[in-house]
C-alpha cells in the first residue's frame, strides 16, 4: 500500500511537471507569434537561430527548425549529462514546437516597438522560466555551455553570452539591419531577467546544504541517480545537541529541481538550504576527481 501511494505521488508530480512545461511553452510560443515575429525581433540561442532561418525560408518552418537544431544538443545531454533530463528536455521542445505550429495563424498584437520588446520579452522569459522550473529546457546552447564549463572552466553565463552576441551580430549582418539586432538584444535581456524571476533567482550554480535523518543512504541515492559529488560536514544540533552529518553539494540549476525532489522523496522532514554561487574554482585534485567521475559516467553509459 505504501508503495502504491508513493507511485501515485510520483505520477502526480510528473503530471504537474509536464503540465507546467506545457503552460510555459504556450506562453513562449505566444510571445513569438504575436510580438517578436511581427516586429522582426529574435531571441538568443537555438530559438534565435531558428527565427533567423524562419525569416529566410518562411515562418511556417519555424517549428521544424526548432526541433532539428535542438537534436544535436539532445544527444549531448543524453551522452554527457543525464538521460532522465533528456526526456524532459525533449518533451519541452515538442510542446514548444507544437504551440508554435498551432498559433501560426494568430494575428499579431499590433504593439509599438517598445511594447513588443518589453511585453514580448517578458512573456518569453516567463514561459522559458516555467519550463526550466519544471525540469525542462528548450535551448540546447545551455547544454553546450555546461559541457564547455566542465572542460574549459568558462562559466555557463559567459558561454551563453558569447553565443548570443554572435547570433545577434549575425542577424544584423545577414539582414543589414543593426537597429533590429540591437532591439532583439534588449528583448533578450528582458526575457533573461524575467526568466530568473520566475525560477526564483536561479543562477548557473547553487550550493546546497542538506540536513536529514539518514545522510549516508541519501548520499548514495544522490550519487547514483544524479551523478553528483558531495561532501559530509560534521555538525551538531543546537537544540538537541546531537552530532549529525550535513551534506554539502554544488549543483547546476538544471539539476536543482530533481535534487530537491529526491531529498524530499527519501526524507520529507529534511531541511534544505540553497544559496547562489557566482563562481567555483577547482584545484588540481578536484579537477582530477571530476575528470574521473566523468569518465566513470561515460563508461557506465556505454555499458548500459
Protein backbone atom coordinates (compact mmCIF):
# COMPACT_ATOMS: atom_id res chain seq x y z
CA UNK A 1 0.00 0.00 0.00
CA UNK A 2 2.84 2.37 0.85
CA UNK A 3 4.47 1.59 -2.48
CA UNK A 4 1.18 2.30 -4.29
CA UNK A 5 0.88 5.67 -2.52
CA UNK A 6 4.44 6.56 -3.44
CA UNK A 7 3.83 5.63 -7.09
CA UNK A 8 0.70 7.78 -7.13
CA UNK A 9 2.61 10.77 -5.73
CA UNK A 10 5.34 10.25 -8.33
CA UNK A 11 2.78 10.13 -11.14
CA UNK A 12 1.09 13.31 -9.91
CA UNK A 13 4.47 15.07 -9.59
CA UNK A 14 5.38 14.11 -13.17
CA UNK A 15 1.96 15.19 -14.44
CA UNK A 16 2.30 18.59 -12.74
CA UNK A 17 5.82 18.92 -14.13
CA UNK A 18 4.76 18.26 -17.73
CA UNK A 19 1.71 20.48 -17.36
CA UNK A 20 3.95 23.31 -16.13
CA UNK A 21 6.27 22.83 -19.09
CA UNK A 22 3.28 22.86 -21.47
CA UNK A 23 1.96 26.13 -20.00
CA UNK A 24 5.43 27.68 -20.20
CA UNK A 25 5.83 26.52 -23.81
CA UNK A 26 2.45 28.05 -24.69
CA UNK A 27 3.40 31.48 -23.30
CA UNK A 28 6.80 31.38 -25.02
CA UNK A 29 5.23 30.40 -28.36
CA UNK A 30 2.50 33.05 -27.97
CA UNK A 31 5.16 35.69 -27.37
CA UNK A 32 6.98 34.73 -30.55
CA UNK A 33 3.86 34.64 -32.71
CA UNK A 34 2.17 37.89 -31.63
CA UNK A 35 5.10 40.07 -30.53
CA UNK A 36 8.55 39.01 -31.74
CA UNK A 37 7.96 37.68 -35.27
CA UNK A 38 5.64 40.54 -36.41
CA UNK A 39 8.26 43.05 -35.21
CA UNK A 40 11.19 41.07 -36.72
CA UNK A 41 12.70 40.51 -33.27
CA UNK A 42 14.65 37.41 -32.29
CA UNK A 43 15.73 35.72 -29.08
CA UNK A 44 19.11 34.19 -28.27
CA UNK A 45 20.26 30.59 -28.52
CA UNK A 46 18.60 27.95 -30.66
CA UNK A 47 15.36 29.96 -30.76
CA UNK A 48 17.25 32.92 -32.24
CA UNK A 49 18.90 30.79 -34.93
CA UNK A 50 15.52 29.19 -35.72
CA UNK A 51 13.93 32.65 -36.09
CA UNK A 52 16.72 33.76 -38.46
CA UNK A 53 16.22 30.68 -40.65
CA UNK A 54 12.43 31.12 -40.50
CA UNK A 55 12.77 34.69 -41.72
CA UNK A 56 14.80 33.43 -44.69
CA UNK A 57 12.75 30.36 -45.60
CA UNK A 58 9.32 31.21 -44.13
CA UNK A 59 7.84 31.34 -40.63
CA UNK A 60 5.80 28.19 -41.27
CA UNK A 61 9.06 26.22 -40.94
CA UNK A 62 9.89 27.66 -37.50
CA UNK A 63 8.73 24.59 -35.56
CA UNK A 64 10.80 22.27 -37.75
CA UNK A 65 13.93 24.40 -37.36
CA UNK A 66 13.49 24.40 -33.59
CA UNK A 67 13.24 20.60 -33.46
CA UNK A 68 16.09 19.91 -35.90
CA UNK A 69 18.56 22.39 -34.38
CA UNK A 70 17.98 21.01 -30.88
CA UNK A 71 18.61 17.37 -31.86
CA UNK A 72 22.44 17.57 -31.52
CA UNK A 73 22.08 19.11 -28.06
CA UNK A 74 19.60 16.43 -27.01
CA UNK A 75 22.23 13.86 -27.99
CA UNK A 76 24.90 15.70 -25.96
CA UNK A 77 22.58 15.81 -22.94
CA UNK A 78 21.84 12.08 -23.33
CA UNK A 79 25.52 11.18 -23.55
CA UNK A 80 27.19 13.52 -21.10
CA UNK A 81 24.63 14.89 -18.64
CA UNK A 82 21.69 12.68 -17.65
CA UNK A 83 19.29 10.52 -19.61
CA UNK A 84 16.29 11.34 -17.43
CA UNK A 85 16.79 15.04 -18.22
CA UNK A 86 16.75 14.25 -21.96
CA UNK A 87 13.14 13.06 -21.71
CA UNK A 88 12.08 16.31 -20.06
CA UNK A 89 14.09 18.42 -22.48
CA UNK A 90 12.62 16.60 -25.49
CA UNK A 91 9.09 16.97 -24.09
CA UNK A 92 9.57 20.73 -23.56
CA UNK A 93 10.88 21.17 -27.12
CA UNK A 94 7.96 19.19 -28.56
CA UNK A 95 5.48 21.27 -26.54
CA UNK A 96 7.13 24.47 -27.77
CA UNK A 97 7.19 23.35 -31.42
CA UNK A 98 3.56 22.19 -31.21
CA UNK A 99 2.31 25.53 -29.88
CA UNK A 100 4.39 27.44 -32.42
CA UNK A 101 2.67 25.46 -35.16
CA UNK A 102 -0.79 25.74 -33.54
CA UNK A 103 -0.55 29.52 -33.16
CA UNK A 104 0.88 30.15 -36.63
CA UNK A 105 -2.27 31.89 -37.96
CA UNK A 106 -2.77 34.00 -34.85
CA UNK A 107 -2.91 37.72 -35.76
CA UNK A 108 -0.17 40.00 -34.33
CA UNK A 109 -0.92 42.11 -31.29
CA UNK A 110 -0.20 45.35 -33.12
CA UNK A 111 2.14 46.68 -30.43
CA UNK A 112 4.60 49.51 -30.95
CA UNK A 113 8.31 48.56 -30.82
CA UNK A 114 8.72 49.35 -27.11
CA UNK A 115 5.65 47.30 -26.16
CA UNK A 116 6.86 44.42 -28.30
CA UNK A 117 10.29 44.46 -26.64
CA UNK A 118 9.05 44.71 -23.06
CA UNK A 119 5.84 42.65 -23.14
CA UNK A 120 7.11 40.13 -25.68
CA UNK A 121 10.41 39.68 -23.87
CA UNK A 122 8.64 39.35 -20.52
CA UNK A 123 6.24 36.70 -21.82
CA UNK A 124 9.05 34.77 -23.45
CA UNK A 125 11.16 34.90 -20.29
CA UNK A 126 8.24 33.87 -18.10
CA UNK A 127 7.49 30.93 -20.37
CA UNK A 128 11.11 29.78 -20.50
CA UNK A 129 11.36 30.19 -16.73
CA UNK A 130 8.32 27.97 -16.17
CA UNK A 131 9.84 25.30 -18.41
CA UNK A 132 13.15 25.33 -16.52
CA UNK A 133 11.41 25.46 -13.14
CA UNK A 134 9.58 22.24 -14.02
CA UNK A 135 12.73 20.45 -15.14
CA UNK A 136 12.74 21.09 -18.90
CA UNK A 137 14.80 23.11 -21.36
CA UNK A 138 14.14 24.45 -24.88
CA UNK A 139 17.56 25.96 -25.58
CA UNK A 140 20.26 23.42 -26.41
CA UNK A 141 23.01 26.04 -26.17
CA UNK A 142 22.74 25.80 -22.39
CA UNK A 143 23.72 22.11 -22.64
CA UNK A 144 26.74 23.10 -24.72
CA UNK A 145 27.60 25.82 -22.18
CA UNK A 146 27.52 23.30 -19.30
CA UNK A 147 29.88 20.95 -21.16
CA UNK A 148 32.30 23.78 -22.02
CA UNK A 149 32.19 24.87 -18.37
CA UNK A 150 33.22 21.36 -17.29
CA UNK A 151 36.05 21.11 -19.81
CA UNK A 152 37.41 24.66 -20.10
CA UNK A 153 36.34 26.44 -16.91
CA UNK A 154 34.34 29.25 -18.53
CA UNK A 155 31.11 29.92 -16.64
CA UNK A 156 27.80 28.88 -18.20
CA UNK A 157 26.76 32.55 -18.33
CA UNK A 158 29.94 33.56 -20.17
CA UNK A 159 29.50 30.88 -22.83
CA UNK A 160 25.81 31.69 -23.39
CA UNK A 161 26.59 35.42 -23.60
CA UNK A 162 29.29 34.80 -26.24
CA UNK A 163 26.96 32.57 -28.30
CA UNK A 164 24.15 35.11 -28.18
CA UNK A 165 26.37 38.06 -29.12
CA UNK A 166 27.44 36.02 -32.16
CA UNK A 167 23.78 35.29 -33.06
CA UNK A 168 22.66 38.93 -32.79
CA UNK A 169 25.71 40.09 -34.75
CA UNK A 170 24.96 37.51 -37.46
CA UNK A 171 21.34 38.71 -37.60
CA UNK A 172 22.39 42.32 -38.10
CA UNK A 173 24.94 41.34 -40.77
CA UNK A 174 22.66 38.98 -42.73
CA UNK A 175 19.72 41.40 -42.94
CA UNK A 176 21.79 44.64 -42.86
CA UNK A 177 19.66 46.00 -40.04
CA UNK A 178 21.61 46.70 -36.86
CA UNK A 179 18.69 48.55 -35.26
CA UNK A 180 16.60 45.37 -35.22
CA UNK A 181 19.62 43.43 -33.93
CA UNK A 182 20.02 45.85 -31.01
CA UNK A 183 16.28 45.77 -30.28
CA UNK A 184 16.48 41.97 -30.26
CA UNK A 185 19.36 42.15 -27.79
CA UNK A 186 17.23 44.32 -25.47
CA UNK A 187 14.35 41.84 -25.85
CA UNK A 188 16.71 39.02 -24.87
CA UNK A 189 17.85 40.93 -21.76
CA UNK A 190 14.22 41.48 -20.70
CA UNK A 191 13.43 37.79 -21.27
CA UNK A 192 16.53 36.68 -19.35
CA UNK A 193 15.66 38.82 -16.33
CA UNK A 194 12.04 37.63 -16.26
CA UNK A 195 13.19 34.04 -16.59
CA UNK A 196 15.38 34.45 -13.50
CA UNK A 197 12.46 35.94 -11.55
CA UNK A 198 10.16 33.05 -12.46
CA UNK A 199 12.68 30.41 -11.42
CA UNK A 200 13.31 32.20 -8.10
CA UNK A 201 16.62 33.79 -8.99
CA UNK A 202 18.40 30.64 -10.10
CA UNK A 203 21.97 31.26 -11.17
CA UNK A 204 24.32 28.90 -13.01
CA UNK A 205 25.35 27.11 -9.82
CA UNK A 206 23.85 26.59 -6.39
CA UNK A 207 25.38 25.42 -3.13
CA UNK A 208 23.03 23.15 -1.21
CA UNK A 209 23.17 22.12 2.47
CA UNK A 210 21.00 19.15 3.40
CA UNK A 211 20.18 18.02 6.94
CA UNK A 212 18.29 14.73 7.07
CA UNK A 213 17.79 11.61 9.16
CA UNK A 214 19.85 9.19 7.02
CA UNK A 215 22.63 11.15 5.27
CA UNK A 216 24.61 8.02 4.32
CA UNK A 217 21.80 6.36 2.37
CA UNK A 218 20.68 9.67 0.84
CA UNK A 219 24.21 10.43 -0.36
CA UNK A 220 24.33 7.09 -2.20
CA UNK A 221 20.98 7.78 -3.90
CA UNK A 222 22.04 11.28 -4.99
CA UNK A 223 25.35 9.98 -6.31
CA UNK A 224 23.67 7.11 -8.15
CA UNK A 225 20.70 8.98 -9.65
CA UNK A 226 22.28 12.37 -10.43
CA UNK A 227 26.00 11.55 -10.57
CA UNK A 228 26.75 14.48 -8.25
CA UNK A 229 29.71 14.65 -5.89
CA UNK A 230 29.08 15.72 -2.32
CA UNK A 231 30.85 16.35 0.98
CA UNK A 232 29.96 15.39 4.56
CA UNK A 233 30.23 18.20 7.08
CA UNK A 234 30.23 17.39 10.78
CA UNK A 235 27.54 19.31 12.63
CA UNK A 236 25.75 19.43 15.95
CA UNK A 237 22.11 20.21 16.66
CA UNK A 238 21.77 23.50 18.53
CA UNK A 239 18.64 22.38 20.34
CA UNK A 240 19.13 18.61 20.65
CA UNK A 241 22.92 18.68 21.00
CA UNK A 242 23.13 15.57 18.80
CA UNK A 243 26.02 15.04 16.40
CA UNK A 244 24.90 14.81 12.78
CA UNK A 245 26.30 14.82 9.25
CA UNK A 246 25.35 17.62 6.85
CA UNK A 247 25.54 17.05 3.09
CA UNK A 248 27.14 19.83 1.05
CA UNK A 249 26.53 19.76 -2.72
CA UNK A 250 27.31 22.12 -5.60
CA UNK A 251 24.68 21.68 -8.30
CA UNK A 252 23.86 23.17 -11.69
CA UNK A 253 20.46 24.80 -11.94
CA UNK A 254 19.12 22.19 -14.37
CA UNK A 255 19.64 19.53 -11.68
CA UNK A 256 18.30 21.53 -8.73
CA UNK A 257 14.62 20.64 -9.14
CA UNK A 258 15.38 16.91 -9.32
CA UNK A 259 17.78 17.10 -6.35
CA UNK A 260 15.05 18.65 -4.17
CA UNK A 261 12.56 16.04 -5.37
CA UNK A 262 14.92 13.17 -4.44
CA UNK A 263 15.73 14.58 -0.99
CA UNK A 264 12.08 15.19 -0.04
CA UNK A 265 11.06 11.86 -1.51
CA UNK A 266 13.53 9.99 0.69
CA UNK A 267 13.05 12.20 3.77
CA UNK A 268 10.00 14.53 3.84
CA UNK A 269 11.29 16.10 7.07
CA UNK A 270 14.68 17.04 5.58
CA UNK A 271 15.94 20.63 5.79
CA UNK A 272 17.42 22.09 2.58
CA UNK A 273 19.31 25.40 2.40
CA UNK A 274 20.12 26.76 -1.09
CA UNK A 275 22.44 29.65 -1.96
CA UNK A 276 23.55 31.27 -5.22
CA UNK A 277 27.11 30.69 -6.41
CA UNK A 278 28.71 33.07 -8.87
CA UNK A 279 31.99 31.23 -9.25
CA UNK A 280 33.61 27.93 -8.29
CA UNK A 281 37.38 27.44 -8.53
CA UNK A 282 38.75 23.89 -8.75
CA UNK A 283 42.22 22.87 -7.59
CA UNK A 284 44.23 20.14 -9.28
CA UNK A 285 42.88 17.37 -7.05
CA UNK A 286 39.28 18.47 -7.57
CA UNK A 287 39.71 18.68 -11.35
CA UNK A 288 41.23 15.20 -11.39
CA UNK A 289 38.30 13.86 -9.36
CA UNK A 290 35.80 15.49 -11.71
CA UNK A 291 37.52 14.01 -14.76
CA UNK A 292 37.48 10.57 -13.14
CA UNK A 293 33.77 10.96 -12.36
CA UNK A 294 33.00 11.99 -15.93
CA UNK A 295 34.97 9.03 -17.29
CA UNK A 296 33.12 6.65 -14.97
CA UNK A 297 29.77 8.10 -16.02
CA UNK A 298 30.67 7.76 -19.70
CA UNK A 299 31.81 4.16 -19.17
CA UNK A 300 28.59 3.30 -17.33
CA UNK A 301 26.54 4.77 -20.17
CA UNK A 302 28.44 2.71 -22.74
CA UNK A 303 27.91 -0.48 -20.71
CA UNK A 304 24.18 0.08 -20.33
